[in-house]
């Protein structure tokens, strides 16, 4: 098992930030300092930008919708290139892209989540991350860019909260590298520790509008059933992760091998 806490990077303006390095795979341990995941970087401070320079993060993959990115653009330091890969372009109303609606009208947003509906919506969204054409295109571009020989430095990928679109990207990378499924889930569930404290003001705002936090936790955190829904869709639609990579993302065996060479 990997030490998830040891991989967490506590930047106040970049919550849910951690290194994928340190996780064991079938070909060795994921190298540290090459690939990071986080929540939005729209509020990145000058002090925290310094970490990006120190870590040599030169490419940031923004998995948010075009509307999300336009409303809250990343505040990247000079020398770091941002690239938008709109995973949910075919479904911009997905609950995974709806955090702004929560902030604007907590009561109305919460009403859509009653009676376990929140969990159902997220499980369906995770299936969309596997089957939706825009998702397949975005994740294909993500993998191909990672292994591009002309790309330099470390890379980071994120969405708004760094848990759903980002969570599947991380799970896909780790799975294709041959990480143990328990370690894949450990990294995924670490979001509940790394992210929720940063969302406390949002929870308090919702409570002030009469919304109980227990209603929102399935939306603001992650659950095993969400990631399990994505893996189930992979198995049902493609028969496994390697075929998902080959037929869904159009990656060759050589390209998957290049990912392993790069990261392990």
C-alpha atoms as a PDB file:
ATOM      1  CA  UNK A   1       0.000   0.000   0.000  1.00  0.00           C
ATOM      2  CA  UNK A   2       1.223   3.511  -0.709  1.00  0.00           C
ATOM      3  CA  UNK A   3       1.480   6.380   1.754  1.00  0.00           C
ATOM      4  CA  UNK A   4      -1.092   8.806   0.386  1.00  0.00           C
ATOM      5  CA  UNK A   5      -0.355  11.436   3.006  1.00  0.00           C
ATOM      6  CA  UNK A   6       3.303  11.505   1.987  1.00  0.00           C
ATOM      7  CA  UNK A   7       2.225  12.430  -1.552  1.00  0.00           C
ATOM      8  CA  UNK A   8      -0.040  15.311  -0.500  1.00  0.00           C
ATOM      9  CA  UNK A   9       1.268  18.820  -1.189  1.00  0.00           C
ATOM     10  CA  UNK A  10      -0.395  21.351   1.144  1.00  0.00           C
ATOM     11  CA  UNK A  11      -0.825  24.500  -0.935  1.00  0.00           C
ATOM     12  CA  UNK A  12      -3.560  26.734   0.479  1.00  0.00           C
ATOM     13  CA  UNK A  13      -4.600  28.086  -2.934  1.00  0.00           C
ATOM     14  CA  UNK A  14      -4.379  24.743  -4.756  1.00  0.00           C
ATOM     15  CA  UNK A  15      -6.412  22.239  -2.723  1.00  0.00           C
ATOM     16  CA  UNK A  16      -6.425  18.500  -3.325  1.00  0.00           C
ATOM     17  CA  UNK A  17      -2.914  18.624  -4.763  1.00  0.00           C
ATOM     18  CA  UNK A  18      -0.818  15.479  -4.669  1.00  0.00           C
ATOM     19  CA  UNK A  19       1.909  13.660  -6.529  1.00  0.00           C
ATOM     20  CA  UNK A  20       1.051  10.405  -8.274  1.00  0.00           C
ATOM     21  CA  UNK A  21       4.639   9.403  -7.576  1.00  0.00           C
ATOM     22  CA  UNK A  22       5.302   6.761  -4.941  1.00  0.00           C
ATOM     23  CA  UNK A  23       2.536   4.345  -5.946  1.00  0.00           C
ATOM     24  CA  UNK A  24       3.746   0.809  -6.753  1.00  0.00           C
ATOM     25  CA  UNK A  25       2.998  -0.647 -10.189  1.00  0.00           C
ATOM     26  CA  UNK A  26       3.781  -3.898 -11.975  1.00  0.00           C
ATOM     27  CA  UNK A  27       6.923  -2.323 -13.482  1.00  0.00           C
ATOM     28  CA  UNK A  28       8.156  -0.437 -10.447  1.00  0.00           C
ATOM     29  CA  UNK A  29       7.117   2.578  -8.402  1.00  0.00           C
ATOM     30  CA  UNK A  30       5.664   5.681 -10.082  1.00  0.00           C
ATOM     31  CA  UNK A  31       8.436   8.267 -10.199  1.00  0.00           C
ATOM     32  CA  UNK A  32       7.962  11.273  -7.996  1.00  0.00           C
ATOM     33  CA  UNK A  33       7.854  14.793  -9.323  1.00  0.00           C
ATOM     34  CA  UNK A  34       6.543  13.982 -12.802  1.00  0.00           C
ATOM     35  CA  UNK A  35       2.747  13.979 -12.612  1.00  0.00           C
ATOM     36  CA  UNK A  36       0.445  15.791 -10.202  1.00  0.00           C
ATOM     37  CA  UNK A  37      -3.317  16.117  -9.714  1.00  0.00           C
ATOM     38  CA  UNK A  38      -5.227  18.969  -8.082  1.00  0.00           C
ATOM     39  CA  UNK A  39      -8.380  21.045  -7.926  1.00  0.00           C
ATOM     40  CA  UNK A  40      -8.766  24.327  -9.820  1.00  0.00           C
ATOM     41  CA  UNK A  41      -5.795  26.691 -10.014  1.00  0.00           C
ATOM     42  CA  UNK A  42      -7.906  29.796 -10.569  1.00  0.00           C
ATOM     43  CA  UNK A  43      -6.976  31.261  -7.168  1.00  0.00           C
ATOM     44  CA  UNK A  44      -3.309  30.331  -7.203  1.00  0.00           C
ATOM     45  CA  UNK A  45      -1.349  32.888  -5.185  1.00  0.00           C
ATOM     46  CA  UNK A  46       2.076  34.285  -6.008  1.00  0.00           C
ATOM     47  CA  UNK A  47       3.553  32.324  -3.114  1.00  0.00           C
ATOM     48  CA  UNK A  48       2.039  29.056  -4.322  1.00  0.00           C
ATOM     49  CA  UNK A  49       3.063  29.811  -7.890  1.00  0.00           C
ATOM     50  CA  UNK A  50       6.624  29.531  -6.601  1.00  0.00           C
ATOM     51  CA  UNK A  51       6.008  25.836  -5.910  1.00  0.00           C
ATOM     52  CA  UNK A  52       5.194  25.334  -9.602  1.00  0.00           C
ATOM     53  CA  UNK A  53       8.552  26.762 -10.563  1.00  0.00           C
ATOM     54  CA  UNK A  54      10.366  24.664  -7.972  1.00  0.00           C
ATOM     55  CA  UNK A  55       8.535  21.512  -9.105  1.00  0.00           C
ATOM     56  CA  UNK A  56       9.183  22.390 -12.774  1.00  0.00           C
ATOM     57  CA  UNK A  57       5.490  22.022 -13.670  1.00  0.00           C
ATOM     58  CA  UNK A  58       5.407  23.246 -17.261  1.00  0.00           C
ATOM     59  CA  UNK A  59       2.132  21.742 -18.529  1.00  0.00           C
ATOM     60  CA  UNK A  60      -1.287  21.967 -16.878  1.00  0.00           C
ATOM     61  CA  UNK A  61      -4.212  20.000 -18.293  1.00  0.00           C
ATOM     62  CA  UNK A  62      -7.532  21.667 -17.445  1.00  0.00           C
ATOM     63  CA  UNK A  63     -10.308  19.076 -17.703  1.00  0.00           C
ATOM     64  CA  UNK A  64     -13.121  21.556 -16.989  1.00  0.00           C
ATOM     65  CA  UNK A  65     -15.805  22.654 -19.421  1.00  0.00           C
ATOM     66  CA  UNK A  66     -15.129  25.693 -21.582  1.00  0.00           C
ATOM     67  CA  UNK A  67     -17.642  27.663 -19.506  1.00  0.00           C
ATOM     68  CA  UNK A  68     -15.976  26.697 -16.230  1.00  0.00           C
ATOM     69  CA  UNK A  69     -12.551  27.627 -17.535  1.00  0.00           C
ATOM     70  CA  UNK A  70     -13.780  30.957 -18.920  1.00  0.00           C
ATOM     71  CA  UNK A  71     -15.543  31.868 -15.669  1.00  0.00           C
ATOM     72  CA  UNK A  72     -12.520  31.032 -13.488  1.00  0.00           C
ATOM     73  CA  UNK A  73      -9.368  30.818 -15.605  1.00  0.00           C
ATOM     74  CA  UNK A  74      -6.262  29.226 -14.154  1.00  0.00           C
ATOM     75  CA  UNK A  75      -3.761  31.681 -12.706  1.00  0.00           C
ATOM     76  CA  UNK A  76      -0.630  29.987 -13.958  1.00  0.00           C
ATOM     77  CA  UNK A  77       2.905  31.271 -13.480  1.00  0.00           C
ATOM     78  CA  UNK A  78       5.030  32.342 -16.409  1.00  0.00           C
ATOM     79  CA  UNK A  79       6.567  29.346 -18.119  1.00  0.00           C
ATOM     80  CA  UNK A  80       3.641  27.037 -17.407  1.00  0.00           C
ATOM     81  CA  UNK A  81       1.428  26.209 -20.383  1.00  0.00           C
ATOM     82  CA  UNK A  82      -2.256  25.518 -19.863  1.00  0.00           C
ATOM     83  CA  UNK A  83      -4.211  23.194 -22.109  1.00  0.00           C
ATOM     84  CA  UNK A  84      -7.993  22.824 -21.917  1.00  0.00           C
ATOM     85  CA  UNK A  85      -9.375  19.326 -22.492  1.00  0.00           C
ATOM     86  CA  UNK A  86     -13.144  19.606 -22.093  1.00  0.00           C
ATOM     87  CA  UNK A  87     -14.127  16.155 -20.865  1.00  0.00           C
ATOM     88  CA  UNK A  88     -17.813  17.048 -20.491  1.00  0.00           C
ATOM     89  CA  UNK A  89     -18.232  19.040 -23.705  1.00  0.00           C
ATOM     90  CA  UNK A  90     -21.020  16.670 -24.745  1.00  0.00           C
ATOM     91  CA  UNK A  91     -22.784  17.105 -21.400  1.00  0.00           C
ATOM     92  CA  UNK A  92     -22.012  20.518 -19.874  1.00  0.00           C
ATOM     93  CA  UNK A  93     -24.938  20.183 -17.444  1.00  0.00           C
ATOM     94  CA  UNK A  94     -23.342  17.204 -15.686  1.00  0.00           C
ATOM     95  CA  UNK A  95     -23.484  17.335 -11.892  1.00  0.00           C
ATOM     96  CA  UNK A  96     -19.674  17.158 -11.867  1.00  0.00           C
ATOM     97  CA  UNK A  97     -19.587  20.632 -13.402  1.00  0.00           C
ATOM     98  CA  UNK A  98     -22.295  22.082 -11.179  1.00  0.00           C
ATOM     99  CA  UNK A  99     -20.399  23.464  -8.199  1.00  0.00           C
ATOM    100  CA  UNK A 100     -21.124  27.030  -9.290  1.00  0.00           C
ATOM    101  CA  UNK A 101     -24.846  26.250  -9.073  1.00  0.00           C
ATOM    102  CA  UNK A 102     -24.358  25.121  -5.485  1.00  0.00           C
ATOM    103  CA  UNK A 103     -22.729  28.405  -4.546  1.00  0.00           C
ATOM    104  CA  UNK A 104     -25.387  30.460  -6.339  1.00  0.00           C
ATOM    105  CA  UNK A 105     -28.476  28.681  -4.978  1.00  0.00           C
ATOM    106  CA  UNK A 106     -27.713  26.006  -2.355  1.00  0.00           C
ATOM    107  CA  UNK A 107     -31.352  25.173  -1.730  1.00  0.00           C
ATOM    108  CA  UNK A 108     -32.235  24.561  -5.357  1.00  0.00           C
ATOM    109  CA  UNK A 109     -29.073  22.565  -5.945  1.00  0.00           C
ATOM    110  CA  UNK A 110     -29.667  20.407  -2.872  1.00  0.00           C
ATOM    111  CA  UNK A 111     -33.235  19.671  -3.943  1.00  0.00           C
ATOM    112  CA  UNK A 112     -31.883  17.720  -6.919  1.00  0.00           C
ATOM    113  CA  UNK A 113     -29.880  15.459  -4.607  1.00  0.00           C
ATOM    114  CA  UNK A 114     -32.580  14.231  -2.221  1.00  0.00           C
ATOM    115  CA  UNK A 115     -33.309  10.562  -1.528  1.00  0.00           C
ATOM    116  CA  UNK A 116     -29.978   9.298  -2.792  1.00  0.00           C
ATOM    117  CA  UNK A 117     -30.326  11.056  -6.129  1.00  0.00           C
ATOM    118  CA  UNK A 118     -26.898  12.652  -5.692  1.00  0.00           C
ATOM    119  CA  UNK A 119     -25.166   9.296  -5.618  1.00  0.00           C
ATOM    120  CA  UNK A 120     -27.131   8.114  -8.650  1.00  0.00           C
ATOM    121  CA  UNK A 121     -26.230  11.232 -10.622  1.00  0.00           C
ATOM    122  CA  UNK A 122     -22.543  10.841  -9.876  1.00  0.00           C
ATOM    123  CA  UNK A 123     -22.471   7.157 -10.728  1.00  0.00           C
ATOM    124  CA  UNK A 124     -24.039   8.013 -14.089  1.00  0.00           C
ATOM    125  CA  UNK A 125     -21.532  10.813 -14.598  1.00  0.00           C
ATOM    126  CA  UNK A 126     -18.665   8.392 -14.016  1.00  0.00           C
ATOM    127  CA  UNK A 127     -20.097   6.095 -16.650  1.00  0.00           C
ATOM    128  CA  UNK A 128     -20.168   9.125 -18.965  1.00  0.00           C
ATOM    129  CA  UNK A 129     -16.457   9.661 -18.287  1.00  0.00           C
ATOM    130  CA  UNK A 130     -15.862   6.281 -19.893  1.00  0.00           C
ATOM    131  CA  UNK A 131     -18.363   6.307 -22.782  1.00  0.00           C
ATOM    132  CA  UNK A 132     -18.960   9.935 -23.807  1.00  0.00           C
ATOM    133  CA  UNK A 133     -17.214  10.933 -27.067  1.00  0.00           C
ATOM    134  CA  UNK A 134     -15.886  14.204 -25.634  1.00  0.00           C
ATOM    135  CA  UNK A 135     -14.466  12.312 -22.649  1.00  0.00           C
ATOM    136  CA  UNK A 136     -12.779   9.718 -24.845  1.00  0.00           C
ATOM    137  CA  UNK A 137     -11.309  12.479 -26.992  1.00  0.00           C
ATOM    138  CA  UNK A 138     -10.114  14.521 -24.016  1.00  0.00           C
ATOM    139  CA  UNK A 139      -8.489  11.602 -22.216  1.00  0.00           C
ATOM    140  CA  UNK A 140      -6.860  10.417 -25.439  1.00  0.00           C
ATOM    141  CA  UNK A 141      -5.330  13.868 -25.908  1.00  0.00           C
ATOM    142  CA  UNK A 142      -4.208  13.843 -22.274  1.00  0.00           C
ATOM    143  CA  UNK A 143      -2.339  10.550 -22.651  1.00  0.00           C
ATOM    144  CA  UNK A 144      -0.800  11.444 -25.989  1.00  0.00           C
ATOM    145  CA  UNK A 145       0.434  14.770 -24.682  1.00  0.00           C
ATOM    146  CA  UNK A 146       1.927  13.150 -21.591  1.00  0.00           C
ATOM    147  CA  UNK A 147       4.117  10.863 -23.697  1.00  0.00           C
ATOM    148  CA  UNK A 148       4.974  13.508 -26.302  1.00  0.00           C
ATOM    149  CA  UNK A 149       8.751  13.542 -26.535  1.00  0.00           C
ATOM    150  CA  UNK A 150       8.750  17.309 -27.069  1.00  0.00           C
ATOM    151  CA  UNK A 151       6.948  17.989 -23.783  1.00  0.00           C
ATOM    152  CA  UNK A 152       9.300  19.106 -21.043  1.00  0.00           C
ATOM    153  CA  UNK A 153       9.109  19.220 -17.269  1.00  0.00           C
ATOM    154  CA  UNK A 154       6.443  17.889 -14.962  1.00  0.00           C
ATOM    155  CA  UNK A 155       2.710  17.924 -15.682  1.00  0.00           C
ATOM    156  CA  UNK A 156      -0.424  18.514 -13.618  1.00  0.00           C
ATOM    157  CA  UNK A 157      -4.062  17.765 -14.402  1.00  0.00           C
ATOM    158  CA  UNK A 158      -7.147  19.147 -12.704  1.00  0.00           C
ATOM    159  CA  UNK A 159     -10.836  19.983 -12.977  1.00  0.00           C
ATOM    160  CA  UNK A 160     -12.861  22.150 -10.578  1.00  0.00           C
ATOM    161  CA  UNK A 161     -12.591  20.155  -7.365  1.00  0.00           C
ATOM    162  CA  UNK A 162     -10.021  17.652  -8.608  1.00  0.00           C
ATOM    163  CA  UNK A 163     -12.122  14.630  -7.745  1.00  0.00           C
ATOM    164  CA  UNK A 164     -14.274  13.358 -10.644  1.00  0.00           C
ATOM    165  CA  UNK A 165     -12.833  14.140 -14.077  1.00  0.00           C
ATOM    166  CA  UNK A 166      -9.438  14.327 -12.399  1.00  0.00           C
ATOM    167  CA  UNK A 167     -10.192  11.204 -10.388  1.00  0.00           C
ATOM    168  CA  UNK A 168     -10.848   9.149 -13.501  1.00  0.00           C
ATOM    169  CA  UNK A 169      -7.725  10.511 -15.202  1.00  0.00           C
ATOM    170  CA  UNK A 170      -5.620   9.423 -12.218  1.00  0.00           C
ATOM    171  CA  UNK A 171      -7.351   6.040 -11.969  1.00  0.00           C
ATOM    172  CA  UNK A 172      -6.786   5.468 -15.696  1.00  0.00           C
ATOM    173  CA  UNK A 173      -3.094   6.331 -15.521  1.00  0.00           C
ATOM    174  CA  UNK A 174      -2.505   4.142 -12.486  1.00  0.00           C
ATOM    175  CA  UNK A 175      -4.520   1.253 -13.894  1.00  0.00           C
ATOM    176  CA  UNK A 176      -2.674   1.269 -17.198  1.00  0.00           C
ATOM    177  CA  UNK A 177       0.607   1.311 -15.289  1.00  0.00           C
ATOM    178  CA  UNK A 178      -0.516  -1.822 -13.488  1.00  0.00           C
ATOM    179  CA  UNK A 179      -1.085  -0.386 -10.016  1.00  0.00           C
ATOM    180  CA  UNK A 180      -2.945  -2.544  -7.521  1.00  0.00           C
ATOM    181  CA  UNK A 181      -6.652  -1.744  -7.511  1.00  0.00           C
ATOM    182  CA  UNK A 182      -6.533  -1.013  -3.765  1.00  0.00           C
ATOM    183  CA  UNK A 183      -3.875   1.644  -4.374  1.00  0.00           C
ATOM    184  CA  UNK A 184      -5.974   3.146  -7.167  1.00  0.00           C
ATOM    185  CA  UNK A 185      -8.913   3.463  -4.793  1.00  0.00           C
ATOM    186  CA  UNK A 186      -6.682   4.801  -1.997  1.00  0.00           C
ATOM    187  CA  UNK A 187      -5.495   7.644  -4.203  1.00  0.00           C
ATOM    188  CA  UNK A 188      -9.058   8.333  -5.315  1.00  0.00           C
ATOM    189  CA  UNK A 189     -10.517   8.371  -1.795  1.00  0.00           C
ATOM    190  CA  UNK A 190      -7.700  10.579  -0.473  1.00  0.00           C
ATOM    191  CA  UNK A 191      -9.755  13.459  -1.900  1.00  0.00           C
ATOM    192  CA  UNK A 192     -12.085  13.150   1.080  1.00  0.00           C
ATOM    193  CA  UNK A 193      -9.166  14.082   3.326  1.00  0.00           C
ATOM    194  CA  UNK A 194      -7.413  16.609   1.098  1.00  0.00           C
ATOM    195  CA  UNK A 195     -10.380  18.484  -0.384  1.00  0.00           C
ATOM    196  CA  UNK A 196     -13.254  18.667   2.092  1.00  0.00           C
ATOM    197  CA  UNK A 197     -11.510  21.028   4.551  1.00  0.00           C
ATOM    198  CA  UNK A 198     -11.079  23.562   1.729  1.00  0.00           C
ATOM    199  CA  UNK A 199     -14.812  23.332   0.980  1.00  0.00           C
ATOM    200  CA  UNK A 200     -15.878  24.037   4.547  1.00  0.00           C
ATOM    201  CA  UNK A 201     -16.884  27.666   3.722  1.00  0.00           C
ATOM    202  CA  UNK A 202     -19.176  26.353   0.982  1.00  0.00           C
ATOM    203  CA  UNK A 203     -20.730  23.858   3.373  1.00  0.00           C
ATOM    204  CA  UNK A 204     -21.292  26.575   5.955  1.00  0.00           C
ATOM    205  CA  UNK A 205     -22.865  28.820   3.328  1.00  0.00           C
ATOM    206  CA  UNK A 206     -25.245  26.029   2.369  1.00  0.00           C
ATOM    207  CA  UNK A 207     -26.110  25.361   6.004  1.00  0.00           C
ATOM    208  CA  UNK A 208     -26.938  29.043   6.404  1.00  0.00           C
ATOM    209  CA  UNK A 209     -29.546  28.511   3.662  1.00  0.00           C
ATOM    210  CA  UNK A 210     -31.048  25.539   5.494  1.00  0.00           C
ATOM    211  CA  UNK A 211     -29.246  22.805   3.593  1.00  0.00           C
ATOM    212  CA  UNK A 212     -27.874  19.977   5.724  1.00  0.00           C
ATOM    213  CA  UNK A 213     -24.269  19.118   4.991  1.00  0.00           C
ATOM    214  CA  UNK A 214     -25.093  15.390   4.862  1.00  0.00           C
ATOM    215  CA  UNK A 215     -27.037  16.112   1.670  1.00  0.00           C
ATOM    216  CA  UNK A 216     -24.021  17.756   0.053  1.00  0.00           C
ATOM    217  CA  UNK A 217     -21.232  15.432   1.145  1.00  0.00           C
ATOM    218  CA  UNK A 218     -21.943  12.924  -1.670  1.00  0.00           C
ATOM    219  CA  UNK A 219     -21.419  15.824  -4.101  1.00  0.00           C
ATOM    220  CA  UNK A 220     -18.415  17.490  -2.507  1.00  0.00           C
ATOM    221  CA  UNK A 221     -16.591  14.284  -1.656  1.00  0.00           C
ATOM    222  CA  UNK A 222     -16.044  10.968  -3.420  1.00  0.00           C
ATOM    223  CA  UNK A 223     -17.425   7.488  -2.857  1.00  0.00           C
ATOM    224  CA  UNK A 224     -16.150   4.087  -3.862  1.00  0.00           C
ATOM    225  CA  UNK A 225     -19.359   3.487  -5.807  1.00  0.00           C
ATOM    226  CA  UNK A 226     -18.557   6.379  -8.164  1.00  0.00           C
ATOM    227  CA  UNK A 227     -15.215   5.013  -9.300  1.00  0.00           C
ATOM    228  CA  UNK A 228     -16.671   1.497  -9.306  1.00  0.00           C
ATOM    229  CA  UNK A 229     -19.311   2.703 -11.773  1.00  0.00           C
ATOM    230  CA  UNK A 230     -16.586   3.873 -14.158  1.00  0.00           C
ATOM    231  CA  UNK A 231     -14.720   0.575 -13.931  1.00  0.00           C
ATOM    232  CA  UNK A 232     -17.993  -1.300 -14.432  1.00  0.00           C
ATOM    233  CA  UNK A 233     -18.636   0.720 -17.599  1.00  0.00           C
ATOM    234  CA  UNK A 234     -15.123  -0.114 -18.802  1.00  0.00           C
ATOM    235  CA  UNK A 235     -15.766  -3.825 -18.262  1.00  0.00           C
ATOM    236  CA  UNK A 236     -19.226  -3.787 -19.840  1.00  0.00           C
ATOM    237  CA  UNK A 237     -18.317  -1.669 -22.843  1.00  0.00           C
ATOM    238  CA  UNK A 238     -14.714  -2.666 -23.508  1.00  0.00           C
ATOM    239  CA  UNK A 239     -13.962  -5.766 -21.463  1.00  0.00           C
ATOM    240  CA  UNK A 240     -11.112  -4.222 -19.457  1.00  0.00           C
ATOM    241  CA  UNK A 241      -8.752  -1.273 -19.150  1.00  0.00           C
ATOM    242  CA  UNK A 242      -6.343  -2.318 -21.890  1.00  0.00           C
ATOM    243  CA  UNK A 243      -9.158  -2.585 -24.401  1.00  0.00           C
ATOM    244  CA  UNK A 244     -10.607   0.705 -23.142  1.00  0.00           C
ATOM    245  CA  UNK A 245      -7.231   2.263 -23.884  1.00  0.00           C
ATOM    246  CA  UNK A 246      -6.954   0.592 -27.270  1.00  0.00           C
ATOM    247  CA  UNK A 247     -10.513   0.866 -28.600  1.00  0.00           C
ATOM    248  CA  UNK A 248     -11.908   3.736 -26.539  1.00  0.00           C
ATOM    249  CA  UNK A 249      -8.873   6.025 -26.451  1.00  0.00           C
ATOM    250  CA  UNK A 250      -7.160   4.699 -29.557  1.00  0.00           C
ATOM    251  CA  UNK A 251      -3.829   4.137 -27.811  1.00  0.00           C
ATOM    252  CA  UNK A 252      -1.390   1.602 -29.209  1.00  0.00           C
ATOM    253  CA  UNK A 253       0.583  -0.894 -27.150  1.00  0.00           C
ATOM    254  CA  UNK A 254       3.671   1.172 -27.927  1.00  0.00           C
ATOM    255  CA  UNK A 255       2.041   4.319 -26.550  1.00  0.00           C
ATOM    256  CA  UNK A 256       0.963   2.555 -23.361  1.00  0.00           C
ATOM    257  CA  UNK A 257       4.516   1.232 -23.025  1.00  0.00           C
ATOM    258  CA  UNK A 258       5.820   4.783 -23.473  1.00  0.00           C
ATOM    259  CA  UNK A 259       3.615   5.875 -20.556  1.00  0.00           C
ATOM    260  CA  UNK A 260       5.210   3.179 -18.399  1.00  0.00           C
ATOM    261  CA  UNK A 261       8.711   4.180 -19.482  1.00  0.00           C
ATOM    262  CA  UNK A 262       7.952   7.812 -18.684  1.00  0.00           C
ATOM    263  CA  UNK A 263       6.444   7.315 -15.238  1.00  0.00           C
ATOM    264  CA  UNK A 264       8.037   4.185 -13.758  1.00  0.00           C
END
